[in-house]
N, C-alpha and C. Protein backbone atom coordinates (compact mmCIF):
# COMPACT_ATOMS: atom_id res chain seq x y z
N MET A 1 226.49 68.97 192.33
CA MET A 1 226.73 70.02 191.37
C MET A 1 227.42 69.40 190.15
N TYR A 2 227.02 69.84 188.97
CA TYR A 2 227.59 69.36 187.72
C TYR A 2 228.39 70.48 187.07
N LYS A 3 229.58 70.15 186.61
CA LYS A 3 230.43 71.13 185.95
C LYS A 3 230.66 70.70 184.50
N LEU A 4 230.51 71.66 183.61
CA LEU A 4 230.76 71.38 182.20
C LEU A 4 232.24 71.60 181.91
N PRO A 5 232.96 70.53 181.52
CA PRO A 5 234.38 70.69 181.20
C PRO A 5 234.57 71.61 179.99
N GLU A 6 235.66 72.35 180.00
CA GLU A 6 235.96 73.28 178.90
C GLU A 6 235.92 72.59 177.55
N ASP A 7 236.44 71.36 177.47
CA ASP A 7 236.52 70.67 176.18
C ASP A 7 235.15 70.16 175.69
N GLN A 8 234.11 70.34 176.48
CA GLN A 8 232.77 69.90 176.09
C GLN A 8 231.84 71.08 175.76
N ARG A 9 232.33 72.29 175.89
CA ARG A 9 231.46 73.47 175.71
C ARG A 9 230.94 73.63 174.29
N GLU A 10 231.65 73.09 173.33
CA GLU A 10 231.25 73.23 171.93
C GLU A 10 229.85 72.66 171.67
N ILE A 11 229.49 71.59 172.38
CA ILE A 11 228.18 70.98 172.17
C ILE A 11 227.04 71.95 172.47
N LEU A 12 227.27 72.89 173.37
CA LEU A 12 226.22 73.83 173.75
C LEU A 12 226.09 74.99 172.78
N ARG A 13 226.99 75.11 171.87
CA ARG A 13 226.87 76.16 170.85
C ARG A 13 225.87 75.77 169.77
N MET A 14 225.55 74.49 169.73
CA MET A 14 224.55 73.99 168.78
C MET A 14 223.17 74.16 169.41
N PRO A 15 222.19 74.62 168.63
CA PRO A 15 220.84 74.76 169.21
C PRO A 15 220.31 73.41 169.70
N PHE A 16 219.65 73.43 170.84
CA PHE A 16 219.07 72.23 171.45
C PHE A 16 217.59 72.14 171.06
N GLY A 17 217.31 72.39 169.80
CA GLY A 17 215.95 72.38 169.30
C GLY A 17 215.92 73.10 167.97
N LYS A 18 214.71 73.51 167.58
CA LYS A 18 214.55 74.21 166.30
C LYS A 18 214.74 75.71 166.54
N ILE A 19 215.58 76.31 165.70
CA ILE A 19 215.87 77.74 165.86
C ILE A 19 214.99 78.56 164.92
N PHE A 20 214.50 79.66 165.45
CA PHE A 20 213.67 80.58 164.68
C PHE A 20 214.33 81.96 164.72
N SER A 21 214.58 82.51 163.56
CA SER A 21 215.20 83.84 163.53
C SER A 21 214.18 84.93 163.85
N ASN A 22 212.89 84.64 163.66
CA ASN A 22 211.84 85.60 163.95
C ASN A 22 210.98 85.07 165.10
N PHE A 23 210.99 85.77 166.20
CA PHE A 23 210.27 85.35 167.40
C PHE A 23 208.78 85.13 167.12
N ILE A 24 208.19 85.95 166.29
CA ILE A 24 206.76 85.85 166.00
C ILE A 24 206.41 84.49 165.40
N ASP A 25 207.33 83.87 164.68
CA ASP A 25 207.07 82.57 164.06
C ASP A 25 206.87 81.45 165.08
N VAL A 26 207.35 81.65 166.29
CA VAL A 26 207.24 80.66 167.36
C VAL A 26 205.84 80.68 167.99
N LEU A 27 205.23 81.82 168.02
CA LEU A 27 203.99 82.00 168.79
C LEU A 27 202.88 81.01 168.44
N PRO A 28 202.61 80.71 167.17
CA PRO A 28 201.53 79.74 166.88
C PRO A 28 201.81 78.34 167.42
N LEU A 29 203.06 78.03 167.69
CA LEU A 29 203.42 76.69 168.17
C LEU A 29 203.23 76.53 169.68
N LEU A 30 202.85 77.61 170.35
CA LEU A 30 202.73 77.58 171.82
C LEU A 30 201.30 77.34 172.30
N SER A 31 200.34 77.51 171.44
CA SER A 31 198.94 77.43 171.83
C SER A 31 198.60 76.08 172.46
N GLY A 32 197.97 76.14 173.64
CA GLY A 32 197.51 74.93 174.31
C GLY A 32 198.60 74.11 174.98
N ARG A 33 199.80 74.65 175.06
CA ARG A 33 200.92 73.90 175.65
C ARG A 33 201.45 74.60 176.89
N LYS A 34 202.10 73.82 177.73
CA LYS A 34 202.85 74.41 178.82
C LYS A 34 204.10 75.04 178.19
N VAL A 35 204.38 76.27 178.61
CA VAL A 35 205.50 77.02 178.04
C VAL A 35 206.50 77.32 179.16
N TYR A 36 207.75 77.02 178.88
CA TYR A 36 208.84 77.27 179.81
C TYR A 36 209.86 78.14 179.09
N SER A 37 210.38 79.15 179.77
CA SER A 37 211.35 80.03 179.13
C SER A 37 212.61 80.12 179.98
N VAL A 38 213.74 80.21 179.28
CA VAL A 38 215.03 80.41 179.93
C VAL A 38 215.65 81.63 179.28
N GLY A 39 215.87 82.65 180.08
CA GLY A 39 216.48 83.88 179.59
C GLY A 39 215.58 85.08 179.76
N ASP A 40 216.20 86.20 180.07
CA ASP A 40 215.46 87.44 180.32
C ASP A 40 214.75 87.95 179.07
N VAL A 41 215.45 87.97 177.95
CA VAL A 41 214.87 88.54 176.73
C VAL A 41 213.72 87.68 176.22
N VAL A 42 213.90 86.37 176.19
CA VAL A 42 212.83 85.48 175.73
C VAL A 42 211.61 85.61 176.65
N THR A 43 211.85 85.63 177.93
CA THR A 43 210.74 85.77 178.89
C THR A 43 210.03 87.10 178.69
N HIS A 44 210.79 88.16 178.55
CA HIS A 44 210.22 89.48 178.32
C HIS A 44 209.36 89.50 177.05
N ARG A 45 209.86 88.90 175.99
CA ARG A 45 209.13 88.89 174.71
C ARG A 45 207.84 88.08 174.82
N LEU A 46 207.88 86.96 175.54
CA LEU A 46 206.66 86.19 175.75
C LEU A 46 205.61 87.02 176.49
N LEU A 47 206.05 87.65 177.58
CA LEU A 47 205.12 88.46 178.37
C LEU A 47 204.56 89.61 177.55
N ARG A 48 205.37 90.21 176.71
CA ARG A 48 204.92 91.30 175.85
C ARG A 48 203.84 90.83 174.87
N GLN A 49 203.87 89.54 174.53
CA GLN A 49 202.86 88.96 173.63
C GLN A 49 201.65 88.42 174.41
N GLY A 50 201.66 88.61 175.73
CA GLY A 50 200.54 88.15 176.55
C GLY A 50 200.62 86.69 176.92
N ILE A 51 201.78 86.08 176.73
CA ILE A 51 201.96 84.67 177.08
C ILE A 51 202.73 84.59 178.40
N ILE A 52 202.09 84.00 179.39
CA ILE A 52 202.73 83.86 180.70
C ILE A 52 203.34 82.47 180.78
N PRO A 53 204.67 82.41 180.85
CA PRO A 53 205.31 81.09 180.95
C PRO A 53 204.90 80.38 182.24
N ASP A 54 204.75 79.07 182.14
CA ASP A 54 204.47 78.29 183.35
C ASP A 54 205.66 78.40 184.30
N VAL A 55 206.87 78.32 183.75
CA VAL A 55 208.09 78.55 184.52
C VAL A 55 209.01 79.40 183.64
N ALA A 56 209.51 80.48 184.22
CA ALA A 56 210.50 81.33 183.54
C ALA A 56 211.75 81.36 184.42
N ILE A 57 212.90 81.25 183.78
CA ILE A 57 214.17 81.27 184.50
C ILE A 57 215.00 82.41 183.93
N ILE A 58 215.36 83.36 184.79
CA ILE A 58 216.13 84.52 184.37
C ILE A 58 217.33 84.72 185.29
N ASP A 59 218.30 85.50 184.82
CA ASP A 59 219.44 85.84 185.68
C ASP A 59 219.73 87.34 185.70
N ARG A 60 218.80 88.13 185.13
CA ARG A 60 218.94 89.59 185.07
C ARG A 60 220.12 90.03 184.21
N ARG A 61 220.51 89.18 183.27
CA ARG A 61 221.61 89.51 182.37
C ARG A 61 221.26 88.99 180.98
N THR A 62 221.83 89.63 179.98
CA THR A 62 221.73 89.11 178.62
C THR A 62 223.09 89.28 177.96
N MET A 63 223.58 88.18 177.43
CA MET A 63 224.91 88.14 176.83
C MET A 63 225.96 88.72 177.80
N ARG A 64 225.83 88.34 179.06
CA ARG A 64 226.77 88.64 180.13
C ARG A 64 226.76 90.11 180.61
N VAL A 65 225.80 90.90 180.15
CA VAL A 65 225.68 92.27 180.64
C VAL A 65 224.32 92.44 181.30
N PRO A 66 224.23 93.37 182.28
CA PRO A 66 222.95 93.56 182.96
C PRO A 66 221.81 93.82 181.97
N CYS A 67 220.69 93.21 182.26
CA CYS A 67 219.52 93.31 181.39
C CYS A 67 218.52 94.28 182.03
N ASP A 68 218.11 95.27 181.26
CA ASP A 68 217.13 96.22 181.78
C ASP A 68 215.70 95.79 181.48
N ARG A 69 215.53 94.63 180.90
CA ARG A 69 214.20 94.11 180.60
C ARG A 69 213.80 93.03 181.60
N ILE A 70 213.97 93.31 182.85
CA ILE A 70 213.63 92.31 183.86
C ILE A 70 212.12 92.09 183.83
N PRO A 71 211.71 90.88 183.52
CA PRO A 71 210.27 90.63 183.42
C PRO A 71 209.59 90.70 184.78
N GLU A 72 208.47 91.39 184.80
CA GLU A 72 207.68 91.48 186.02
C GLU A 72 206.29 90.93 185.73
N TYR A 73 205.89 89.97 186.51
CA TYR A 73 204.54 89.45 186.41
C TYR A 73 204.22 88.71 187.70
N GLN A 74 202.94 88.46 187.90
CA GLN A 74 202.50 87.78 189.10
C GLN A 74 202.82 86.31 188.99
N ALA A 75 203.79 85.88 189.77
CA ALA A 75 204.22 84.48 189.74
C ALA A 75 204.89 84.15 191.06
N HIS A 76 204.87 82.89 191.38
CA HIS A 76 205.63 82.39 192.52
C HIS A 76 207.10 82.65 192.21
N ARG A 77 207.81 83.32 193.11
CA ARG A 77 209.19 83.72 192.85
C ARG A 77 210.14 82.86 193.69
N ILE A 78 211.15 82.32 193.02
CA ILE A 78 212.18 81.51 193.67
C ILE A 78 213.53 82.12 193.32
N VAL A 79 214.36 82.33 194.31
CA VAL A 79 215.71 82.83 194.08
C VAL A 79 216.68 81.68 194.33
N THR A 80 217.60 81.47 193.41
CA THR A 80 218.54 80.36 193.51
C THR A 80 219.93 80.81 193.06
N HIS A 81 220.90 79.96 193.27
CA HIS A 81 222.28 80.25 192.89
C HIS A 81 222.76 79.20 191.89
N ASN A 82 223.49 79.67 190.89
CA ASN A 82 224.05 78.77 189.89
C ASN A 82 225.20 79.49 189.18
N PRO A 83 226.45 79.13 189.48
CA PRO A 83 227.57 79.81 188.83
C PRO A 83 227.68 79.44 187.35
N PRO A 84 228.31 80.29 186.55
CA PRO A 84 228.50 79.99 185.12
C PRO A 84 229.23 78.65 184.92
N GLY A 85 228.76 77.88 183.93
CA GLY A 85 229.40 76.60 183.61
C GLY A 85 228.99 75.46 184.50
N PHE A 86 228.02 75.68 185.38
CA PHE A 86 227.57 74.66 186.32
C PHE A 86 226.07 74.47 186.25
N ILE A 87 225.63 73.32 186.73
CA ILE A 87 224.23 73.07 187.07
C ILE A 87 224.25 72.62 188.52
N THR A 88 223.77 73.47 189.39
CA THR A 88 223.81 73.16 190.82
C THR A 88 222.59 72.33 191.22
N ASP A 89 222.75 71.59 192.30
CA ASP A 89 221.61 70.86 192.87
C ASP A 89 220.53 71.85 193.29
N GLU A 90 220.94 73.02 193.74
CA GLU A 90 219.99 74.06 194.14
C GLU A 90 219.13 74.50 192.94
N LEU A 91 219.74 74.66 191.79
CA LEU A 91 218.99 75.03 190.59
C LEU A 91 218.00 73.91 190.22
N ILE A 92 218.47 72.68 190.26
CA ILE A 92 217.59 71.54 189.94
C ILE A 92 216.39 71.50 190.88
N GLU A 93 216.64 71.67 192.17
CA GLU A 93 215.55 71.66 193.15
C GLU A 93 214.61 72.84 192.94
N SER A 94 215.15 74.00 192.58
CA SER A 94 214.31 75.17 192.30
C SER A 94 213.40 74.92 191.12
N ILE A 95 213.91 74.26 190.09
CA ILE A 95 213.09 73.92 188.92
C ILE A 95 211.98 72.95 189.33
N LYS A 96 212.33 71.94 190.10
CA LYS A 96 211.31 70.98 190.57
C LYS A 96 210.23 71.70 191.38
N ASP A 97 210.65 72.59 192.27
CA ASP A 97 209.68 73.35 193.07
C ASP A 97 208.80 74.21 192.19
N ALA A 98 209.40 74.88 191.22
CA ALA A 98 208.65 75.78 190.34
C ALA A 98 207.60 75.01 189.55
N LEU A 99 207.93 73.81 189.13
CA LEU A 99 206.99 73.01 188.34
C LEU A 99 205.76 72.59 189.13
N THR A 100 205.85 72.62 190.46
CA THR A 100 204.70 72.25 191.29
C THR A 100 203.84 73.45 191.65
N CYS A 101 204.28 74.66 191.30
CA CYS A 101 203.56 75.87 191.71
C CYS A 101 203.65 76.91 190.60
N THR A 102 202.95 76.65 189.51
CA THR A 102 203.03 77.55 188.36
C THR A 102 201.92 78.59 188.40
N PRO A 103 202.11 79.76 187.80
CA PRO A 103 203.33 80.19 187.15
C PRO A 103 204.41 80.51 188.19
N ALA A 104 205.64 80.29 187.78
CA ALA A 104 206.78 80.53 188.68
C ALA A 104 207.89 81.24 187.93
N LEU A 105 208.58 82.10 188.65
CA LEU A 105 209.73 82.81 188.12
C LEU A 105 210.94 82.44 188.99
N ILE A 106 211.95 81.85 188.37
CA ILE A 106 213.19 81.53 189.06
C ILE A 106 214.20 82.61 188.70
N VAL A 107 214.69 83.30 189.71
CA VAL A 107 215.72 84.32 189.51
C VAL A 107 217.04 83.71 189.96
N VAL A 108 217.96 83.57 189.02
CA VAL A 108 219.24 82.94 189.30
C VAL A 108 220.29 84.00 189.60
N ASN A 109 220.92 83.85 190.74
CA ASN A 109 222.11 84.63 191.03
C ASN A 109 223.27 83.83 190.45
N GLY A 110 223.85 84.33 189.38
CA GLY A 110 224.88 83.60 188.65
C GLY A 110 224.49 83.57 187.19
N GLU A 111 224.26 82.37 186.67
CA GLU A 111 223.94 82.24 185.24
C GLU A 111 222.89 81.16 185.03
N GLU A 112 221.91 81.46 184.17
CA GLU A 112 220.82 80.52 183.91
C GLU A 112 220.97 79.75 182.61
N ASP A 113 222.03 79.98 181.86
CA ASP A 113 222.17 79.41 180.51
C ASP A 113 221.97 77.89 180.45
N LEU A 114 222.49 77.15 181.40
CA LEU A 114 222.43 75.70 181.36
C LEU A 114 221.14 75.13 181.95
N ALA A 115 220.25 76.01 182.42
CA ALA A 115 219.01 75.56 183.06
C ALA A 115 218.09 74.80 182.10
N VAL A 116 218.29 74.97 180.80
CA VAL A 116 217.47 74.24 179.83
C VAL A 116 217.57 72.74 180.06
N ILE A 117 218.76 72.25 180.40
CA ILE A 117 218.98 70.81 180.54
C ILE A 117 218.13 70.22 181.68
N PRO A 118 218.27 70.71 182.92
CA PRO A 118 217.41 70.13 183.97
C PRO A 118 215.93 70.44 183.78
N LEU A 119 215.62 71.55 183.12
CA LEU A 119 214.21 71.87 182.86
C LEU A 119 213.60 70.83 181.93
N VAL A 120 214.29 70.48 180.87
CA VAL A 120 213.79 69.45 179.94
C VAL A 120 213.67 68.11 180.66
N LEU A 121 214.63 67.80 181.52
CA LEU A 121 214.61 66.51 182.23
C LEU A 121 213.46 66.39 183.22
N THR A 122 213.00 67.52 183.77
CA THR A 122 212.00 67.45 184.84
C THR A 122 210.60 67.90 184.43
N ALA A 123 210.49 68.65 183.35
CA ALA A 123 209.18 69.17 182.94
C ALA A 123 208.36 68.07 182.25
N GLN A 124 207.07 68.32 182.21
CA GLN A 124 206.10 67.39 181.64
C GLN A 124 206.24 67.29 180.12
N ASP A 125 206.14 66.06 179.60
CA ASP A 125 206.12 65.87 178.15
C ASP A 125 204.97 66.66 177.54
N GLY A 126 205.22 67.16 176.33
CA GLY A 126 204.21 67.92 175.61
C GLY A 126 204.38 69.42 175.73
N GLY A 127 205.13 69.86 176.73
CA GLY A 127 205.41 71.28 176.86
C GLY A 127 206.53 71.69 175.93
N VAL A 128 206.85 72.97 175.92
CA VAL A 128 207.95 73.48 175.11
C VAL A 128 208.83 74.40 175.94
N VAL A 129 210.12 74.34 175.66
CA VAL A 129 211.09 75.24 176.28
C VAL A 129 211.57 76.19 175.20
N LEU A 130 211.63 77.46 175.56
CA LEU A 130 212.17 78.48 174.68
C LEU A 130 213.38 79.11 175.34
N TYR A 131 214.43 79.34 174.56
CA TYR A 131 215.58 80.08 175.05
C TYR A 131 216.25 80.78 173.88
N GLY A 132 217.02 81.81 174.18
CA GLY A 132 217.69 82.57 173.14
C GLY A 132 219.00 81.95 172.71
N GLN A 133 219.26 81.99 171.42
CA GLN A 133 220.56 81.57 170.86
C GLN A 133 221.21 82.86 170.38
N PRO A 134 222.25 83.34 171.09
CA PRO A 134 222.83 84.65 170.78
C PRO A 134 223.12 84.84 169.30
N SER A 135 222.68 85.97 168.80
CA SER A 135 222.88 86.42 167.41
C SER A 135 222.21 85.52 166.38
N LYS A 136 221.37 84.59 166.82
CA LYS A 136 220.72 83.67 165.87
C LYS A 136 219.19 83.72 165.97
N GLY A 137 218.65 83.80 167.18
CA GLY A 137 217.20 83.82 167.34
C GLY A 137 216.77 83.11 168.60
N VAL A 138 215.59 82.52 168.53
CA VAL A 138 215.03 81.80 169.67
C VAL A 138 214.95 80.32 169.31
N VAL A 139 215.28 79.48 170.29
CA VAL A 139 215.23 78.04 170.11
C VAL A 139 213.99 77.50 170.82
N LEU A 140 213.26 76.65 170.13
CA LEU A 140 212.10 75.97 170.70
C LEU A 140 212.42 74.48 170.75
N ARG A 141 212.24 73.89 171.93
CA ARG A 141 212.43 72.45 172.08
C ARG A 141 211.19 71.86 172.70
N GLU A 142 210.56 70.96 171.96
CA GLU A 142 209.41 70.24 172.51
C GLU A 142 209.94 69.23 173.51
N ILE A 143 209.25 69.13 174.63
CA ILE A 143 209.65 68.19 175.66
C ILE A 143 208.97 66.86 175.38
N ASN A 144 209.80 65.86 175.12
CA ASN A 144 209.32 64.51 174.84
C ASN A 144 210.45 63.54 175.20
N VAL A 145 210.24 62.27 174.92
CA VAL A 145 211.24 61.25 175.27
C VAL A 145 212.58 61.54 174.59
N LYS A 146 212.54 61.93 173.33
CA LYS A 146 213.79 62.22 172.62
C LYS A 146 214.52 63.39 173.26
N ALA A 147 213.79 64.45 173.60
CA ALA A 147 214.41 65.61 174.24
C ALA A 147 215.04 65.22 175.57
N LYS A 148 214.33 64.39 176.34
CA LYS A 148 214.86 63.97 177.63
C LYS A 148 216.12 63.11 177.45
N ASN A 149 216.11 62.24 176.45
CA ASN A 149 217.31 61.43 176.17
C ASN A 149 218.47 62.30 175.71
N ASP A 150 218.17 63.30 174.86
CA ASP A 150 219.23 64.22 174.42
C ASP A 150 219.80 65.00 175.60
N ALA A 151 218.92 65.45 176.51
CA ALA A 151 219.37 66.19 177.69
C ALA A 151 220.23 65.29 178.59
N LYS A 152 219.83 64.04 178.74
CA LYS A 152 220.64 63.09 179.54
C LYS A 152 222.01 62.92 178.90
N GLY A 153 222.05 62.83 177.56
CA GLY A 153 223.32 62.70 176.86
C GLY A 153 224.23 63.90 177.09
N ILE A 154 223.66 65.08 177.07
CA ILE A 154 224.46 66.29 177.33
C ILE A 154 224.93 66.28 178.78
N LEU A 155 224.02 65.98 179.70
CA LEU A 155 224.39 65.98 181.12
C LEU A 155 225.48 64.94 181.41
N SER A 156 225.51 63.86 180.65
CA SER A 156 226.54 62.83 180.88
C SER A 156 227.94 63.34 180.57
N ARG A 157 228.05 64.45 179.86
CA ARG A 157 229.35 65.04 179.55
C ARG A 157 229.86 65.92 180.69
N PHE A 158 228.99 66.21 181.65
CA PHE A 158 229.36 67.02 182.80
C PHE A 158 230.10 66.16 183.82
N ILE A 159 230.85 66.81 184.68
CA ILE A 159 231.54 66.13 185.78
C ILE A 159 230.77 66.44 187.07
N ARG A 160 230.43 65.39 187.80
CA ARG A 160 229.75 65.58 189.08
C ARG A 160 230.77 65.97 190.13
N GLU A 161 230.56 67.09 190.78
CA GLU A 161 231.49 67.56 191.83
C GLU A 161 230.86 67.48 193.19
């Protein structure tokens, strides 16, 4: 299990990719790619546009309050645990499992916010990860060598417990 120290949390306030204030502007960039989503609202918005994420990770909450937009679609469903401020080995294994059986929906008991990091590290190059940046918009990160190196750099700031 990896724990993010309090003094390192500031790095996560910066978008881990290109931020779009208008969700519709992201849609043309998804064509022909594997799409991964982290967050209930982003996943819901993709599904509303007819885009089924290869892997979607939700926690049934948005901005720490229950989310009534729980996405429903036909997908392999995995339930996992991940407390706030952590990346558990269970979450990492769930992501690996989901990537082998797409489309997949990972439902996190706890918090899914940090799932972007292991998702970028384990997903196939060429895909894209989308997640919400509170009060700013949606972040799109192309998965490539640079993204994986950036994710490793962020993960190196965590403490292994």
